[in-house]
Amino acid sequence: MSFSNDDKWPEKAPNANLGYAINLTGELDEGDVPTHALVYISPSGDGELKVSAPQSTDPISLSGNTLIIWFAGGVAARQYLVRVVVNTLRGATLEMYVTMPMVRTQAVFPPLEPATYSEQSPPYEWTAPA
């Protein structure tokens, strides 16, 4: 099942470490709960956007039915595609794609190419506590 809270999140500065929320309430059947989540980022590589939280904060967590994902890094003026796949206790799979734009004010010209590059990051993973 695909769902969308917003197709685009607010801009992020490369030096900011920010948490973004996905409210799953409207997508879950009554009594169902998220048990596992995978987050992929494209493009991916050294210096690109990554899932990372400030100290003592989990990079991916659940508060009620809201999945919170912390992001760090990224290249100014670049736009990232974030894919989130959530599995639930009752076996449902929810999948969402969200655009993460980076601020343009910190961009350099010509744009920097990443030192390493891949189409999609390895998954960042969250599992509900037992």
C-alpha atoms as a PDB file:
ATOM      1  CA  MET A   1       0.000   0.000   0.000  1.00  0.00           C
ATOM      2  CA  SER A   2       1.338   3.441  -0.825  1.00  0.00           C
ATOM      3  CA  PHE A   3       0.473   6.473   1.252  1.00  0.00           C
ATOM      4  CA  SER A   4       1.437  10.088   1.523  1.00  0.00           C
ATOM      5  CA  ASN A   5       1.405  12.616   4.347  1.00  0.00           C
ATOM      6  CA  ASP A   6       3.215  15.158   2.216  1.00  0.00           C
ATOM      7  CA  ASP A   7       4.995  14.507  -1.036  1.00  0.00           C
ATOM      8  CA  LYS A   8       7.646  17.056  -0.088  1.00  0.00           C
ATOM      9  CA  TRP A   9       9.246  17.918   3.233  1.00  0.00           C
ATOM     10  CA  PRO A  10      10.508  21.417   4.122  1.00  0.00           C
ATOM     11  CA  GLU A  11      14.018  22.387   2.997  1.00  0.00           C
ATOM     12  CA  LYS A  12      16.961  21.255   5.092  1.00  0.00           C
ATOM     13  CA  ALA A  13      20.353  22.937   5.399  1.00  0.00           C
ATOM     14  CA  PRO A  14      23.375  20.623   5.025  1.00  0.00           C
ATOM     15  CA  ASN A  15      24.674  21.553   8.488  1.00  0.00           C
ATOM     16  CA  ALA A  16      21.296  20.985  10.209  1.00  0.00           C
ATOM     17  CA  ASN A  17      20.327  17.794  12.019  1.00  0.00           C
ATOM     18  CA  LEU A  18      16.524  17.687  11.824  1.00  0.00           C
ATOM     19  CA  GLY A  19      13.753  15.228  12.660  1.00  0.00           C
ATOM     20  CA  TYR A  20      10.887  14.711  10.199  1.00  0.00           C
ATOM     21  CA  ALA A  21       7.615  13.010  11.133  1.00  0.00           C
ATOM     22  CA  ILE A  22       5.329  10.645   9.239  1.00  0.00           C
ATOM     23  CA  ASN A  23       1.904  10.194  10.825  1.00  0.00           C
ATOM     24  CA  LEU A  24       0.722   6.652  10.062  1.00  0.00           C
ATOM     25  CA  THR A  25      -2.620   6.842  11.915  1.00  0.00           C
ATOM     26  CA  GLY A  26      -4.820   7.101   8.831  1.00  0.00           C
ATOM     27  CA  GLU A  27      -3.037   4.203   7.135  1.00  0.00           C
ATOM     28  CA  LEU A  28      -3.258   1.662   9.966  1.00  0.00           C
ATOM     29  CA  ASP A  29      -6.227  -0.616  10.573  1.00  0.00           C
ATOM     30  CA  GLU A  30      -7.706  -0.318  14.054  1.00  0.00           C
ATOM     31  CA  GLY A  31      -5.437  -2.087  16.529  1.00  0.00           C
ATOM     32  CA  ASP A  32      -2.563  -2.480  14.070  1.00  0.00           C
ATOM     33  CA  VAL A  33       0.844  -1.000  14.936  1.00  0.00           C
ATOM     34  CA  PRO A  34       4.134  -0.449  13.091  1.00  0.00           C
ATOM     35  CA  THR A  35       6.768  -3.057  13.961  1.00  0.00           C
ATOM     36  CA  HIS A  36       9.539  -2.415  11.458  1.00  0.00           C
ATOM     37  CA  ALA A  37      10.677   0.374   9.123  1.00  0.00           C
ATOM     38  CA  LEU A  38      13.300   0.752   6.425  1.00  0.00           C
ATOM     39  CA  VAL A  39      14.459   4.134   5.105  1.00  0.00           C
ATOM     40  CA  TYR A  40      16.336   4.517   1.812  1.00  0.00           C
ATOM     41  CA  ILE A  41      17.837   7.732   0.411  1.00  0.00           C
ATOM     42  CA  SER A  42      18.654   8.502  -3.203  1.00  0.00           C
ATOM     43  CA  PRO A  43      21.178   9.643  -4.294  1.00  0.00           C
ATOM     44  CA  SER A  44      23.560   8.211  -1.754  1.00  0.00           C
ATOM     45  CA  GLY A  45      27.289   8.460  -1.070  1.00  0.00           C
ATOM     46  CA  ASP A  46      29.928  10.256   0.992  1.00  0.00           C
ATOM     47  CA  GLY A  47      28.723  13.744   1.956  1.00  0.00           C
ATOM     48  CA  GLU A  48      25.134  13.027   0.908  1.00  0.00           C
ATOM     49  CA  LEU A  49      22.001  13.098   3.066  1.00  0.00           C
ATOM     50  CA  LYS A  50      21.923  10.336   5.680  1.00  0.00           C
ATOM     51  CA  VAL A  51      19.793   9.144   8.577  1.00  0.00           C
ATOM     52  CA  SER A  52      21.550  10.363  11.716  1.00  0.00           C
ATOM     53  CA  ALA A  53      20.364  11.794  15.016  1.00  0.00           C
ATOM     54  CA  PRO A  54      21.850  14.083  17.655  1.00  0.00           C
ATOM     55  CA  GLN A  55      23.509  12.327  20.580  1.00  0.00           C
ATOM     56  CA  SER A  56      21.161  10.330  22.840  1.00  0.00           C
ATOM     57  CA  THR A  57      18.401  10.351  20.203  1.00  0.00           C
ATOM     58  CA  ASP A  58      17.438   7.340  18.104  1.00  0.00           C
ATOM     59  CA  PRO A  59      17.778   8.108  14.380  1.00  0.00           C
ATOM     60  CA  ILE A  60      14.429   6.391  13.708  1.00  0.00           C
ATOM     61  CA  SER A  61      11.774   6.084  16.385  1.00  0.00           C
ATOM     62  CA  LEU A  62       8.041   5.725  16.887  1.00  0.00           C
ATOM     63  CA  SER A  63       5.866   8.016  19.020  1.00  0.00           C
ATOM     64  CA  GLY A  64       2.308   6.703  19.056  1.00  0.00           C
ATOM     65  CA  ASN A  65       1.632   6.119  15.352  1.00  0.00           C
ATOM     66  CA  THR A  66       4.141   8.739  14.187  1.00  0.00           C
ATOM     67  CA  LEU A  67       7.438   7.591  12.740  1.00  0.00           C
ATOM     68  CA  ILE A  68      10.224  10.116  13.401  1.00  0.00           C
ATOM     69  CA  ILE A  69      13.310  10.061  11.174  1.00  0.00           C
ATOM     70  CA  TRP A  70      16.361  12.268  11.817  1.00  0.00           C
ATOM     71  CA  PHE A  71      18.464  13.452   8.882  1.00  0.00           C
ATOM     72  CA  ALA A  72      21.935  15.014   8.694  1.00  0.00           C
ATOM     73  CA  GLY A  73      24.269  16.180   5.949  1.00  0.00           C
ATOM     74  CA  GLY A  74      23.414  16.538   2.305  1.00  0.00           C
ATOM     75  CA  VAL A  75      24.557  18.788  -0.531  1.00  0.00           C
ATOM     76  CA  ALA A  76      23.111  22.300  -0.853  1.00  0.00           C
ATOM     77  CA  ALA A  77      20.642  22.744  -3.743  1.00  0.00           C
ATOM     78  CA  ARG A  78      20.359  18.981  -4.255  1.00  0.00           C
ATOM     79  CA  GLN A  79      17.007  17.227  -3.995  1.00  0.00           C
ATOM     80  CA  TYR A  80      16.801  13.779  -2.402  1.00  0.00           C
ATOM     81  CA  LEU A  81      14.174  11.084  -2.664  1.00  0.00           C
ATOM     82  CA  VAL A  82      13.432   9.325   0.626  1.00  0.00           C
ATOM     83  CA  ARG A  83      11.690   5.945   0.458  1.00  0.00           C
ATOM     84  CA  VAL A  84      10.074   4.670   3.659  1.00  0.00           C
ATOM     85  CA  VAL A  85       8.739   1.105   3.979  1.00  0.00           C
ATOM     86  CA  VAL A  86       6.793   0.240   7.140  1.00  0.00           C
ATOM     87  CA  ASN A  87       5.662  -3.253   8.168  1.00  0.00           C
ATOM     88  CA  THR A  88       2.921  -3.737  10.744  1.00  0.00           C
ATOM     89  CA  LEU A  89       1.994  -6.319  13.352  1.00  0.00           C
ATOM     90  CA  ARG A  90      -0.881  -7.601  11.180  1.00  0.00           C
ATOM     91  CA  GLY A  91       1.300  -7.985   8.086  1.00  0.00           C
ATOM     92  CA  ALA A  92       0.496  -4.802   6.169  1.00  0.00           C
ATOM     93  CA  THR A  93       3.259  -3.075   4.214  1.00  0.00           C
ATOM     94  CA  LEU A  94       3.077   0.700   3.795  1.00  0.00           C
ATOM     95  CA  GLU A  95       5.394   2.418   1.324  1.00  0.00           C
ATOM     96  CA  MET A  96       5.959   6.123   0.804  1.00  0.00           C
ATOM     97  CA  TYR A  97       8.230   8.370  -1.266  1.00  0.00           C
ATOM     98  CA  VAL A  98       9.006  11.879  -0.048  1.00  0.00           C
ATOM     99  CA  THR A  99      11.175  14.568  -1.624  1.00  0.00           C
ATOM    100  CA  MET A 100      13.748  16.197   0.671  1.00  0.00           C
ATOM    101  CA  PRO A 101      14.987  19.491  -0.845  1.00  0.00           C
ATOM    102  CA  MET A 102      18.184  21.084   0.413  1.00  0.00           C
ATOM    103  CA  VAL A 103      18.499  24.859   0.775  1.00  0.00           C
ATOM    104  CA  ARG A 104      19.920  26.653  -2.237  1.00  0.00           C
ATOM    105  CA  THR A 105      21.496  29.550  -0.332  1.00  0.00           C
ATOM    106  CA  GLN A 106      24.541  27.466   0.638  1.00  0.00           C
ATOM    107  CA  ALA A 107      25.149  26.068  -2.857  1.00  0.00           C
ATOM    108  CA  VAL A 108      28.480  26.361  -4.611  1.00  0.00           C
ATOM    109  CA  PHE A 109      28.925  26.615  -8.348  1.00  0.00           C
ATOM    110  CA  PRO A 110      29.654  24.405 -10.120  1.00  0.00           C
ATOM    111  CA  PRO A 111      27.826  21.823  -7.965  1.00  0.00           C
ATOM    112  CA  LEU A 112      30.071  19.348  -6.186  1.00  0.00           C
ATOM    113  CA  GLU A 113      29.898  15.732  -7.256  1.00  0.00           C
ATOM    114  CA  PRO A 114      29.904  13.183  -4.419  1.00  0.00           C
ATOM    115  CA  ALA A 115      33.185  11.401  -3.682  1.00  0.00           C
ATOM    116  CA  THR A 116      31.303   8.116  -3.896  1.00  0.00           C
ATOM    117  CA  TYR A 117      27.897   7.618  -5.428  1.00  0.00           C
ATOM    118  CA  SER A 118      25.133   5.056  -5.581  1.00  0.00           C
ATOM    119  CA  GLU A 119      21.540   5.258  -6.724  1.00  0.00           C
ATOM    120  CA  GLN A 120      20.101   4.290  -3.324  1.00  0.00           C
ATOM    121  CA  SER A 121      21.508   4.011   0.175  1.00  0.00           C
ATOM    122  CA  PRO A 122      21.597   0.746   2.065  1.00  0.00           C
ATOM    123  CA  PRO A 123      18.537   0.667   4.301  1.00  0.00           C
ATOM    124  CA  TYR A 124      18.466   2.468   7.618  1.00  0.00           C
ATOM    125  CA  GLU A 125      16.444   0.179   9.874  1.00  0.00           C
ATOM    126  CA  TRP A 126      14.107   0.507  12.864  1.00  0.00           C
ATOM    127  CA  THR A 127      12.498  -2.390  14.746  1.00  0.00           C
ATOM    128  CA  ALA A 128       9.954  -2.027  17.541  1.00  0.00           C
ATOM    129  CA  PRO A 129      11.263  -3.030  20.958  1.00  0.00           C
ATOM    130  CA  ALA A 130      10.183  -6.526  22.010  1.00  0.00           C
END
